[in-house]
C-alpha cells in the first residue's frame, strides 16, 4: 500500500513535468530533471516491487536465490546517482564561477569516495551505505542553502516562487532531511525487533515522498501558468 502511494505521486510528477517541458522552452537541466523523475519512478517500480513478486509469486520464484531477491544493492547504487544528480542540478544554478568550480570538485570527490565505499565496504548487497547517505545529505543541504543565499542577494527574490528550481530545492531538502536520518537509524531495526518502528518509518517515508513529489508537481503547474501568462 505504501509503495503504491509513492509510485502514484512520483508518476504524476513525472507526467506533469513532461507536459511542462513540452509546452515551455526551459533550460536543459529542467529537462534532465524530468528525465530523472522518470528514472526514479522506474527504479521504484521495478526494484521496489521485485522482491515482493519473487517472494509471493511462482512466476518469479526462480529468482529467490539471486541478488534480485534483495533490492538493497539497487538502492545503494541509486542513492549515489540520486545525490550526484541533485548536487549537479544545484551547481548548475550557481552564478559564481568560482563557487561553481569548487562545487564541481566537491561533486567529483563525493562520487569517487562513494564508489570506493561501495566497492570496499563489502556490504554493497546487504546494508545501506551510511557514508554515502550522510555525506550526500550534508552536501545537498549545503548547496541548497547557498542557492537560497544567492536568491536573497539578487533580484530573483521578487519572483523566486516562479522557478522550478525553487520547488525542487524545497522538496529535495525536506525529503532528505527527514528521511535519511530515520533511514540510517532504521537500519538497526526490522519487523522482528520493532514492528512499531517499521510501521512509523513507512508512514514517514510515504509522507515525505508525497510532500516531495507534490512540490515538484505544484512547481511544474505554477511555472506552466507563468509561461502561459507571457
Protein backbone atom coordinates (compact mmCIF):
# COMPACT_ATOMS: atom_id res chain seq x y z
CA UNK A 1 0.00 0.00 0.00
CA UNK A 2 2.77 2.44 0.94
CA UNK A 3 4.70 1.75 -2.26
CA UNK A 4 1.57 2.14 -4.41
CA UNK A 5 1.00 5.64 -2.99
CA UNK A 6 4.63 6.62 -3.57
CA UNK A 7 4.57 5.27 -7.14
CA UNK A 8 1.38 7.23 -7.85
CA UNK A 9 2.77 10.59 -6.73
CA UNK A 10 6.13 10.17 -8.48
CA UNK A 11 4.44 9.15 -11.76
CA UNK A 12 2.08 12.15 -11.52
CA UNK A 13 5.08 14.45 -11.01
CA UNK A 14 6.86 12.91 -13.99
CA UNK A 15 3.78 13.23 -16.23
CA UNK A 16 3.12 16.86 -15.27
CA UNK A 17 6.83 17.58 -15.70
CA UNK A 18 6.75 16.08 -19.19
CA UNK A 19 3.78 18.29 -20.10
CA UNK A 20 5.67 21.27 -18.72
CA UNK A 21 8.86 20.78 -20.75
CA UNK A 22 6.90 20.07 -23.94
CA UNK A 23 4.99 23.34 -23.65
CA UNK A 24 7.74 25.59 -22.29
CA UNK A 25 11.20 26.43 -23.53
CA UNK A 26 13.14 25.61 -20.42
CA UNK A 27 16.83 25.17 -19.68
CA UNK A 28 18.36 21.77 -20.29
CA UNK A 29 18.66 20.92 -16.60
CA UNK A 30 14.92 21.23 -16.11
CA UNK A 31 14.52 18.71 -18.91
CA UNK A 32 17.15 16.47 -17.34
CA UNK A 33 15.24 16.72 -14.08
CA UNK A 34 12.06 15.38 -15.69
CA UNK A 35 14.07 12.51 -17.20
CA UNK A 36 15.44 11.84 -13.72
CA UNK A 37 11.90 11.70 -12.32
CA UNK A 38 11.02 9.00 -14.84
CA UNK A 39 14.22 7.14 -13.97
CA UNK A 40 13.37 7.33 -10.24
CA UNK A 41 9.88 6.01 -10.93
CA UNK A 42 11.35 3.16 -12.98
CA UNK A 43 13.73 2.19 -10.17
CA UNK A 44 11.00 2.28 -7.52
CA UNK A 45 8.53 0.32 -9.61
CA UNK A 46 10.96 -2.36 -10.77
CA UNK A 47 13.24 -2.84 -7.78
CA UNK A 48 10.68 -1.78 -5.21
CA UNK A 49 8.21 -4.48 -6.24
CA UNK A 50 10.58 -7.19 -7.46
CA UNK A 51 11.41 -8.74 -4.04
CA UNK A 52 7.69 -8.96 -3.25
CA UNK A 53 6.95 -10.62 -6.60
CA UNK A 54 9.80 -13.07 -6.09
CA UNK A 55 8.59 -13.98 -2.62
CA UNK A 56 4.86 -14.26 -3.30
CA UNK A 57 4.52 -15.40 -6.94
CA UNK A 58 5.58 -18.60 -8.65
CA UNK A 59 6.43 -16.83 -11.90
CA UNK A 60 9.37 -15.07 -10.24
CA UNK A 61 10.27 -17.76 -7.70
CA UNK A 62 13.28 -18.87 -9.74
CA UNK A 63 14.98 -15.62 -8.67
CA UNK A 64 14.84 -16.40 -4.94
CA UNK A 65 18.49 -17.40 -4.72
CA UNK A 66 19.73 -14.42 -6.75
CA UNK A 67 20.67 -10.84 -5.91
CA UNK A 68 17.23 -9.73 -7.12
CA UNK A 69 15.54 -11.18 -4.03
CA UNK A 70 17.03 -8.25 -2.07
CA UNK A 71 16.83 -4.76 -3.54
CA UNK A 72 19.34 -3.14 -1.19
CA UNK A 73 22.14 -3.18 -3.77
CA UNK A 74 19.90 -1.44 -6.31
CA UNK A 75 19.07 1.37 -3.89
CA UNK A 76 22.71 1.71 -2.82
CA UNK A 77 23.59 2.35 -6.46
CA UNK A 78 20.56 4.60 -6.90
CA UNK A 79 21.47 6.70 -3.84
CA UNK A 80 24.81 7.55 -5.44
CA UNK A 81 23.11 8.50 -8.72
CA UNK A 82 20.42 10.41 -6.83
CA UNK A 83 22.76 12.60 -4.79
CA UNK A 84 25.12 13.12 -7.74
CA UNK A 85 22.26 14.38 -9.90
CA UNK A 86 20.82 16.73 -7.27
CA UNK A 87 24.26 18.17 -6.50
CA UNK A 88 24.96 18.70 -10.19
CA UNK A 89 21.50 20.21 -10.62
CA UNK A 90 22.07 22.91 -7.99
CA UNK A 91 25.69 23.50 -9.02
CA UNK A 92 24.33 24.39 -12.47
CA UNK A 93 22.25 27.22 -10.97
CA UNK A 94 25.14 28.79 -9.04
CA UNK A 95 26.05 32.15 -10.58
CA UNK A 96 29.56 32.49 -9.17
CA UNK A 97 32.09 30.78 -11.45
CA UNK A 98 34.47 30.26 -8.51
CA UNK A 99 31.83 28.62 -6.30
CA UNK A 100 30.56 26.55 -9.23
CA UNK A 101 34.09 25.29 -9.90
CA UNK A 102 34.54 24.37 -6.23
CA UNK A 103 31.17 22.63 -6.35
CA UNK A 104 32.26 20.51 -9.30
CA UNK A 105 35.41 19.42 -7.44
CA UNK A 106 33.32 18.56 -4.38
CA UNK A 107 30.94 16.53 -6.53
CA UNK A 108 33.81 14.63 -8.14
CA UNK A 109 35.26 13.92 -4.69
CA UNK A 110 31.89 12.68 -3.47
CA UNK A 111 31.45 10.35 -6.44
CA UNK A 112 34.96 8.89 -6.13
CA UNK A 113 34.82 8.31 -2.37
CA UNK A 114 31.28 6.91 -2.58
CA UNK A 115 32.27 4.48 -5.33
CA UNK A 116 35.24 3.36 -3.25
CA UNK A 117 32.92 2.88 -0.29
CA UNK A 118 30.56 0.76 -2.40
CA UNK A 119 33.39 -1.41 -3.67
CA UNK A 120 35.47 -1.76 -0.50
CA UNK A 121 32.82 -1.90 2.22
CA UNK A 122 31.86 -5.49 1.49
CA UNK A 123 28.22 -4.69 2.36
CA UNK A 124 27.02 -3.41 -1.00
CA UNK A 125 24.41 -6.16 -1.36
CA UNK A 126 23.33 -6.27 2.28
CA UNK A 127 23.13 -2.92 4.07
CA UNK A 128 22.70 0.78 3.21
CA UNK A 129 25.88 2.73 2.56
CA UNK A 130 25.72 5.06 5.57
CA UNK A 131 28.73 7.13 4.49
CA UNK A 132 27.16 7.87 1.09
CA UNK A 133 23.84 8.85 2.70
CA UNK A 134 25.32 11.12 5.36
CA UNK A 135 27.82 12.91 3.13
CA UNK A 136 25.34 13.19 0.26
CA UNK A 137 22.70 14.69 2.56
CA UNK A 138 25.13 17.20 4.08
CA UNK A 139 26.41 18.34 0.68
CA UNK A 140 22.89 18.66 -0.69
CA UNK A 141 21.87 20.81 2.28
CA UNK A 142 24.97 22.95 1.78
CA UNK A 143 24.31 23.60 -1.91
CA UNK A 144 20.62 24.32 -1.38
CA UNK A 145 21.42 26.76 1.40
CA UNK A 146 23.85 28.54 -0.92
CA UNK A 147 21.15 28.60 -3.59
CA UNK A 148 18.80 30.34 -1.12
CA UNK A 149 21.57 32.77 -0.15
CA UNK A 150 22.09 33.55 -3.83
CA UNK A 151 18.37 34.29 -4.24
CA UNK A 152 18.40 36.67 -1.27
CA UNK A 153 21.34 38.55 -2.77
CA UNK A 154 19.76 39.03 -6.19
CA UNK A 155 16.63 40.26 -7.90
CA UNK A 156 15.34 36.67 -8.00
CA UNK A 157 13.87 37.32 -4.55
CA UNK A 158 10.97 39.13 -6.29
CA UNK A 159 9.75 36.05 -8.17
CA UNK A 160 11.67 33.10 -6.72
CA UNK A 161 8.45 31.07 -6.47
CA UNK A 162 8.06 31.18 -10.26
CA UNK A 163 11.10 28.96 -10.95
CA UNK A 164 11.05 25.18 -10.93
CA UNK A 165 14.43 25.18 -9.18
CA UNK A 166 12.85 26.61 -6.04
CA UNK A 167 10.25 23.83 -5.82
CA UNK A 168 12.93 21.20 -6.45
CA UNK A 169 15.02 22.68 -3.63
CA UNK A 170 12.13 22.64 -1.14
CA UNK A 171 11.03 19.12 -1.99
CA UNK A 172 14.52 17.63 -2.04
CA UNK A 173 15.65 19.45 1.12
CA UNK A 174 12.68 18.44 3.27
CA UNK A 175 12.71 14.86 1.98
CA UNK A 176 16.37 14.16 2.64
CA UNK A 177 16.47 15.95 6.00
CA UNK A 178 13.52 13.89 7.25
CA UNK A 179 14.03 10.50 5.61
CA UNK A 180 17.77 9.84 5.66
CA UNK A 181 18.32 10.16 9.44
CA UNK A 182 15.34 7.88 10.08
CA UNK A 183 16.56 5.51 7.38
CA UNK A 184 20.03 5.30 8.94
CA UNK A 185 18.54 4.73 12.38
CA UNK A 186 16.12 2.17 10.98
CA UNK A 187 18.99 0.02 9.76
CA UNK A 188 19.24 -1.35 13.30
CA UNK A 189 15.60 -2.43 13.36
CA UNK A 190 13.32 -4.82 11.48
CA UNK A 191 9.87 -6.33 11.83
CA UNK A 192 11.11 -8.84 14.39
CA UNK A 193 12.89 -6.34 16.64
CA UNK A 194 10.45 -3.45 16.43
CA UNK A 195 7.42 -3.74 14.13
CA UNK A 196 6.13 -0.44 15.53
CA UNK A 197 9.23 1.41 14.35
CA UNK A 198 8.98 -0.18 10.91
CA UNK A 199 5.37 0.98 10.63
CA UNK A 200 6.29 4.52 11.71
CA UNK A 201 9.19 4.55 9.25
CA UNK A 202 6.89 3.55 6.38
CA UNK A 203 4.49 6.35 7.29
CA UNK A 204 7.34 8.90 7.42
CA UNK A 205 8.77 7.65 4.13
CA UNK A 206 5.39 7.78 2.40
CA UNK A 207 4.55 11.25 3.76
CA UNK A 208 7.96 12.62 2.78
CA UNK A 209 7.60 11.22 -0.74
CA UNK A 210 4.12 12.69 -1.07
CA UNK A 211 5.44 16.09 0.03
CA UNK A 212 8.47 16.00 -2.28
CA UNK A 213 6.64 14.90 -5.42
CA UNK A 214 3.74 17.24 -4.65
CA UNK A 215 6.26 20.11 -4.51
CA UNK A 216 7.57 19.11 -7.93
CA UNK A 217 4.07 18.80 -9.38
CA UNK A 218 2.96 22.16 -7.97
CA UNK A 219 6.16 23.74 -9.26
CA UNK A 220 5.56 22.49 -12.79
CA UNK A 221 1.96 23.74 -12.72
CA UNK A 222 2.90 27.19 -11.35
CA UNK A 223 5.71 27.63 -13.87
CA UNK A 224 3.49 26.38 -16.69
CA UNK A 225 0.88 29.02 -15.83
CA UNK A 226 3.61 31.65 -15.58
CA UNK A 227 4.82 30.86 -19.11
CA UNK A 228 1.25 30.87 -20.45
CA UNK A 229 0.66 34.31 -18.94
CA UNK A 230 3.54 35.63 -21.02
